[in-house]
Amino acid sequence: MELCVDFGGTEIKLAVIEGAGIMASGTIPVTGSTADLDAAATASLALIDGADVTPTAVGIAVPGVVDPATGLMLHANDKYDFLEGFDLHSWAQDELGLPAVVENDARAALIGETSTGSASGERDAVLVTLGTGIGTAAIIDGVPLRGVTGHAGILGGHVTTDIHGPTCPCGNVGCGEALASSWALQQGTVKDLFESDERAEIRDEFLRVWGTTVVTLCHMYDPTVVILSGGILRAGDAVRYPIEDHVREHLWPSMTAPRFIVPPEPEYSVARGLSTLARQAHPTTAIDQETH
């Protein structure tokens, strides 16, 4: 049984998972300060106590690049810049009394969906989360891509989709995220684009950028499955099918088009992945379980 702590963009999601089952869950708001660490610890202990459960490890997800050698976050957005270089393993041991594993949130979500989620058993898959930004991750032959410094697979939103596009805060030019994300909009939200036809031209451009991003990921990783996630997928077919059509139209001729999946419970994708990672990193035996 594992505790899962997901430091998200607008809220910190908490869950206790045993196998594929969600034993308890909750959320707390994000302040963008070190107070979030104290709040996460307090809420986690309350969740565990209230559910009367005994997790044996904790999985922690962060919206940034995690060094696979040290577990330290190398880079994050401004809201979580206080976590850069911060030892979350020691924090988890000191505040929660649990050993920890730390992972990028998109990579954790992909591991969650391919382990106990909507794409269970798939060994070659890509995940794309759409919303505030564009998050990506990839698994090839059952192995999550991390690379030497943890950057592999998770920067799909920062591949150039327009060489004449704007400069992205990341330093690149014409990134998909700089062209089609919540922060790229001058007014309103991405959700607003799909609630009416008032800004249909901008909506269609977003869909083309997202489709182009997925085509690039397919060319790079040759997945059998593409998992589309994020709050905007609540718009359903209005988002999924234009992206899927774009991919089929522009995919390399000899490639087999991937199957597209929209998780039915995307809010638990990251937690499921964290549970799997924590269980693998800190396995327990039946005797261990009895002593807790």
Protein backbone atom coordinates (compact mmCIF):
# COMPACT_ATOMS: atom_id res chain seq x y z
CA MET A 1 0.00 0.00 0.00
CA GLU A 2 1.42 3.35 -1.08
CA LEU A 3 0.81 7.02 -0.32
CA CYS A 4 0.89 9.25 -3.40
CA VAL A 5 1.56 13.01 -3.39
CA ASP A 6 1.15 14.88 -6.68
CA PHE A 7 2.33 18.50 -6.65
CA GLY A 8 0.05 19.81 -9.41
CA GLY A 9 -0.42 23.19 -11.01
CA THR A 10 -3.49 24.33 -9.04
CA GLU A 11 -3.79 21.70 -6.32
CA ILE A 12 -1.83 19.00 -4.56
CA LYS A 13 -3.53 15.64 -5.06
CA LEU A 14 -3.20 12.94 -2.41
CA ALA A 15 -4.13 9.27 -2.56
CA VAL A 16 -3.53 5.97 -0.85
CA ILE A 17 -3.48 3.05 -3.28
CA GLU A 18 -3.38 -0.70 -2.79
CA GLY A 19 -2.93 -2.60 -6.03
CA ALA A 20 -5.37 -1.03 -8.47
CA GLY A 21 -7.69 0.23 -5.75
CA ILE A 22 -7.98 3.80 -4.47
CA MET A 23 -8.28 3.46 -0.70
CA ALA A 24 -8.50 7.20 0.07
CA SER A 25 -7.91 10.48 -1.74
CA GLY A 26 -8.02 14.24 -1.28
CA THR A 27 -6.74 17.58 -2.53
CA ILE A 28 -5.38 20.80 -1.06
CA PRO A 29 -4.80 24.15 -2.82
CA VAL A 30 -1.39 25.27 -4.02
CA THR A 31 0.11 28.52 -2.71
CA GLY A 32 3.36 28.42 -4.67
CA SER A 33 5.50 28.68 -1.54
CA THR A 34 7.37 26.43 0.88
CA ALA A 35 4.16 26.35 2.93
CA ASP A 36 2.95 23.78 0.39
CA LEU A 37 5.40 21.26 1.83
CA ASP A 38 4.02 21.66 5.35
CA ALA A 39 0.45 21.54 4.07
CA ALA A 40 1.15 18.40 2.03
CA ALA A 41 2.69 16.63 5.01
CA THR A 42 -0.17 17.58 7.33
CA ALA A 43 -2.85 16.59 4.81
CA SER A 44 -1.08 13.31 4.00
CA LEU A 45 -0.93 12.27 7.66
CA ALA A 46 -4.58 13.23 8.11
CA LEU A 47 -5.57 11.19 5.05
CA ILE A 48 -3.69 8.14 6.35
CA ASP A 49 -5.15 8.50 9.83
CA GLY A 50 -8.68 9.07 8.59
CA ALA A 51 -8.60 6.03 6.33
CA ASP A 52 -6.94 3.92 9.05
CA VAL A 53 -4.35 2.58 6.61
CA THR A 54 -0.62 1.95 6.81
CA PRO A 55 1.29 2.75 3.60
CA THR A 56 4.80 1.35 3.29
CA ALA A 57 6.21 3.96 0.88
CA VAL A 58 5.33 7.26 -0.77
CA GLY A 59 5.48 8.28 -4.42
CA ILE A 60 5.94 11.99 -5.12
CA ALA A 61 5.24 13.66 -8.48
CA VAL A 62 6.56 17.08 -9.48
CA PRO A 63 5.93 19.21 -12.59
CA GLY A 64 9.57 19.38 -13.59
CA VAL A 65 12.69 17.48 -14.59
CA VAL A 66 13.84 14.89 -12.05
CA ASP A 67 17.43 13.65 -12.07
CA PRO A 68 17.14 9.84 -12.17
CA ALA A 69 20.45 9.47 -10.33
CA THR A 70 19.62 11.65 -7.33
CA GLY A 71 15.83 12.10 -7.34
CA LEU A 72 16.32 15.87 -7.14
CA MET A 73 14.27 18.21 -9.33
CA LEU A 74 16.56 19.99 -11.76
CA HIS A 75 14.05 22.44 -13.19
CA ALA A 76 10.46 23.46 -12.54
CA ASN A 77 8.00 26.22 -13.36
CA ASP A 78 7.96 29.32 -11.18
CA LYS A 79 5.25 28.00 -8.87
CA TYR A 80 7.52 25.20 -7.66
CA ASP A 81 10.96 26.77 -8.03
CA PHE A 82 11.48 26.23 -4.28
CA LEU A 83 11.61 22.48 -4.98
CA GLU A 84 14.62 22.76 -7.29
CA GLY A 85 17.46 20.87 -5.61
CA PHE A 86 15.26 20.13 -2.58
CA ASP A 87 15.65 16.61 -1.12
CA LEU A 88 12.12 15.23 -1.18
CA HIS A 89 13.38 11.82 -0.07
CA SER A 90 14.59 13.26 3.22
CA TRP A 91 11.43 15.35 3.53
CA ALA A 92 9.28 12.23 3.16
CA GLN A 93 11.30 10.32 5.73
CA ASP A 94 11.33 13.20 8.22
CA GLU A 95 7.70 14.33 7.84
CA LEU A 96 5.91 11.11 6.88
CA GLY A 97 8.23 8.39 8.14
CA LEU A 98 8.21 6.74 4.71
CA PRO A 99 10.80 5.93 2.04
CA ALA A 100 10.10 7.79 -1.20
CA VAL A 101 10.40 7.74 -4.96
CA VAL A 102 10.24 11.01 -6.95
CA GLU A 103 9.11 11.27 -10.58
CA ASN A 104 8.05 13.77 -13.23
CA ASP A 105 4.25 14.04 -13.24
CA ALA A 106 3.65 13.23 -16.92
CA ARG A 107 5.95 10.21 -16.78
CA ALA A 108 4.18 9.02 -13.62
CA ALA A 109 0.81 9.43 -15.37
CA LEU A 110 1.95 7.30 -18.30
CA ILE A 111 3.29 4.61 -15.97
CA GLY A 112 -0.04 4.70 -14.13
CA GLU A 113 -2.13 4.22 -17.26
CA THR A 114 0.08 1.44 -18.65
CA SER A 115 0.31 -0.42 -15.34
CA THR A 116 -3.16 -0.43 -13.76
CA GLY A 117 -5.04 2.13 -15.86
CA SER A 118 -6.72 2.46 -19.26
CA ALA A 119 -3.73 1.14 -21.24
CA SER A 120 -2.78 -1.67 -18.85
CA GLY A 121 -0.23 -4.01 -20.40
CA GLU A 122 0.80 -1.72 -23.25
CA ARG A 123 4.59 -1.66 -23.70
CA ASP A 124 4.97 1.06 -26.35
CA ALA A 125 2.99 4.17 -25.54
CA VAL A 126 3.02 7.96 -25.52
CA LEU A 127 1.05 10.21 -23.19
CA VAL A 128 0.12 13.81 -23.94
CA THR A 129 -1.53 16.05 -21.36
CA LEU A 130 -3.17 19.21 -22.68
CA GLY A 131 -4.12 22.29 -20.69
CA THR A 132 -1.96 24.78 -18.83
CA GLY A 133 0.96 23.45 -20.88
CA ILE A 134 1.70 20.35 -22.94
CA GLY A 135 3.11 17.49 -20.90
CA THR A 136 4.45 14.34 -22.54
CA ALA A 137 6.07 11.01 -21.70
CA ALA A 138 7.02 7.85 -23.56
CA ILE A 139 7.52 4.15 -22.88
CA ILE A 140 9.38 1.90 -25.33
CA ASP A 141 9.34 -1.89 -24.92
CA GLY A 142 8.02 -1.46 -21.40
CA VAL A 143 10.76 0.94 -20.28
CA PRO A 144 9.89 4.57 -19.40
CA LEU A 145 12.26 6.94 -21.19
CA ARG A 146 14.32 9.06 -18.79
CA GLY A 147 17.70 9.66 -20.40
CA VAL A 148 20.95 10.48 -18.63
CA THR A 149 19.57 13.53 -16.82
CA GLY A 150 15.83 12.81 -16.79
CA HIS A 151 14.82 14.95 -19.78
CA ALA A 152 13.99 12.19 -22.28
CA GLY A 153 10.37 11.92 -23.39
CA ILE A 154 8.94 14.74 -21.28
CA LEU A 155 9.78 17.74 -23.50
CA GLY A 156 7.42 16.94 -26.37
CA GLY A 157 5.61 20.21 -25.74
CA HIS A 158 8.83 22.03 -26.48
CA VAL A 159 9.47 20.62 -29.93
CA THR A 160 9.28 23.33 -32.62
CA THR A 161 5.99 23.29 -34.53
CA ASP A 162 6.47 26.70 -36.19
CA ILE A 163 9.95 28.06 -36.98
CA HIS A 164 8.41 31.54 -37.32
CA GLY A 165 6.57 31.26 -34.02
CA PRO A 166 7.16 33.11 -30.76
CA THR A 167 10.11 32.50 -28.48
CA CYS A 168 9.10 30.15 -25.68
CA PRO A 169 10.21 30.79 -22.07
CA CYS A 170 12.23 27.58 -22.42
CA GLY A 171 14.47 29.34 -24.98
CA ASN A 172 13.28 27.47 -28.06
CA VAL A 173 11.27 29.04 -30.90
CA GLY A 174 7.76 28.04 -31.91
CA CYS A 175 7.21 25.35 -29.29
CA GLY A 176 3.83 23.66 -29.31
CA GLU A 177 3.31 24.87 -25.75
CA ALA A 178 4.08 28.47 -26.75
CA LEU A 179 1.40 28.28 -29.44
CA ALA A 180 -1.36 26.15 -27.91
CA SER A 181 -1.71 26.17 -24.13
CA SER A 182 -3.55 28.10 -21.44
CA TRP A 183 -0.65 30.45 -20.82
CA ALA A 184 -0.27 31.08 -24.57
CA LEU A 185 -3.78 32.56 -24.74
CA GLN A 186 -4.00 36.32 -24.36
CA GLN A 187 -7.42 36.02 -22.75
CA GLY A 188 -9.68 33.30 -21.44
CA THR A 189 -8.85 29.63 -21.01
CA VAL A 190 -8.43 26.67 -23.33
CA LYS A 191 -11.73 25.35 -22.00
CA ASP A 192 -13.46 28.51 -23.26
CA LEU A 193 -12.41 27.70 -26.82
CA PHE A 194 -14.54 24.56 -26.83
CA GLU A 195 -17.64 25.99 -25.19
CA SER A 196 -18.66 28.09 -28.21
CA ASP A 197 -17.62 28.91 -31.79
CA GLU A 198 -16.80 32.50 -30.87
CA ARG A 199 -13.06 31.87 -31.34
CA ALA A 200 -13.24 28.92 -33.69
CA GLU A 201 -10.15 30.02 -35.62
CA ILE A 202 -7.98 29.95 -32.49
CA ARG A 203 -9.53 26.64 -31.40
CA ASP A 204 -8.76 25.04 -34.77
CA GLU A 205 -5.18 26.33 -34.63
CA PHE A 206 -4.75 24.78 -31.17
CA LEU A 207 -6.01 21.45 -32.51
CA ARG A 208 -3.57 21.60 -35.43
CA VAL A 209 -0.65 22.33 -33.09
CA TRP A 210 -1.65 19.49 -30.76
CA GLY A 211 -2.03 17.16 -33.73
CA THR A 212 1.38 18.19 -35.07
CA THR A 213 2.93 17.57 -31.66
CA VAL A 214 1.45 14.07 -31.51
CA VAL A 215 2.65 13.29 -35.06
CA THR A 216 6.19 14.25 -34.01
CA LEU A 217 5.98 12.05 -30.92
CA CYS A 218 4.75 9.14 -33.04
CA HIS A 219 7.63 9.61 -35.48
CA MET A 220 10.08 9.69 -32.55
CA TYR A 221 8.76 6.78 -30.46
CA ASP A 222 6.58 4.60 -32.75
CA PRO A 223 3.91 3.86 -30.10
CA THR A 224 1.04 1.42 -30.41
CA VAL A 225 -1.04 3.64 -28.14
CA VAL A 226 -1.38 7.41 -27.64
CA ILE A 227 -3.00 8.44 -24.37
CA LEU A 228 -4.60 11.90 -24.39
CA SER A 229 -5.23 13.43 -20.99
CA GLY A 230 -5.75 16.74 -19.22
CA GLY A 231 -8.77 18.77 -18.20
CA ILE A 232 -9.55 19.88 -21.76
CA LEU A 233 -10.33 16.26 -22.70
CA ARG A 234 -13.61 16.74 -20.87
CA ALA A 235 -14.66 18.30 -24.19
CA GLY A 236 -14.48 14.70 -25.46
CA ASP A 237 -14.70 13.99 -29.15
CA ALA A 238 -14.28 17.68 -30.04
CA VAL A 239 -10.64 17.34 -28.97
CA ARG A 240 -9.80 13.69 -29.52
CA TYR A 241 -11.06 13.14 -33.06
CA PRO A 242 -9.47 16.20 -34.74
CA ILE A 243 -6.11 15.21 -33.20
CA GLU A 244 -6.55 11.59 -34.25
CA ASP A 245 -7.54 12.62 -37.79
CA HIS A 246 -4.51 14.92 -38.06
CA VAL A 247 -2.18 12.12 -37.00
CA ARG A 248 -3.64 9.64 -39.50
CA GLU A 249 -3.35 12.22 -42.27
CA HIS A 250 0.27 13.21 -41.59
CA LEU A 251 1.84 10.04 -40.20
CA TRP A 252 4.82 8.49 -42.02
CA PRO A 253 3.28 6.22 -44.73
CA SER A 254 4.77 2.91 -43.56
CA MET A 255 3.89 3.43 -39.89
CA THR A 256 0.87 1.80 -38.27
CA ALA A 257 -1.45 4.42 -36.81
CA PRO A 258 -1.59 4.17 -33.01
CA ARG A 259 -4.72 3.52 -31.02
CA PHE A 260 -5.97 6.58 -29.10
CA ILE A 261 -7.16 6.35 -25.50
CA VAL A 262 -8.73 8.95 -23.21
CA PRO A 263 -8.51 7.71 -19.59
CA PRO A 264 -11.88 7.56 -17.81
CA GLU A 265 -10.27 8.69 -14.53
CA PRO A 266 -7.38 11.00 -15.51
CA GLU A 267 -7.32 12.52 -12.02
CA TYR A 268 -5.82 9.24 -10.75
CA SER A 269 -3.29 8.63 -13.55
CA VAL A 270 -0.35 10.16 -11.68
CA ALA A 271 -1.24 8.47 -8.39
CA ARG A 272 -1.46 5.06 -10.05
CA GLY A 273 1.97 5.56 -11.54
CA LEU A 274 3.45 6.73 -8.26
CA SER A 275 2.01 3.69 -6.53
CA THR A 276 3.64 1.37 -9.07
CA LEU A 277 7.00 3.16 -8.82
CA ALA A 278 6.99 3.24 -5.01
CA ARG A 279 6.08 -0.43 -4.83
CA GLN A 280 8.91 -1.32 -7.23
CA ALA A 281 11.47 0.87 -5.47
CA HIS A 282 10.50 -0.21 -1.95
CA PRO A 283 9.03 -3.72 -2.12
CA THR A 284 7.64 -5.26 1.05
CA THR A 285 7.12 -8.87 2.00
CA ALA A 286 4.20 -10.35 3.88
CA ILE A 287 6.34 -10.32 7.04
CA ASP A 288 7.14 -6.63 6.50
CA GLN A 289 3.44 -5.86 6.14
CA GLU A 290 2.65 -7.60 9.45
CA THR A 291 5.22 -5.52 11.35
CA HIS A 292 3.68 -2.17 10.32
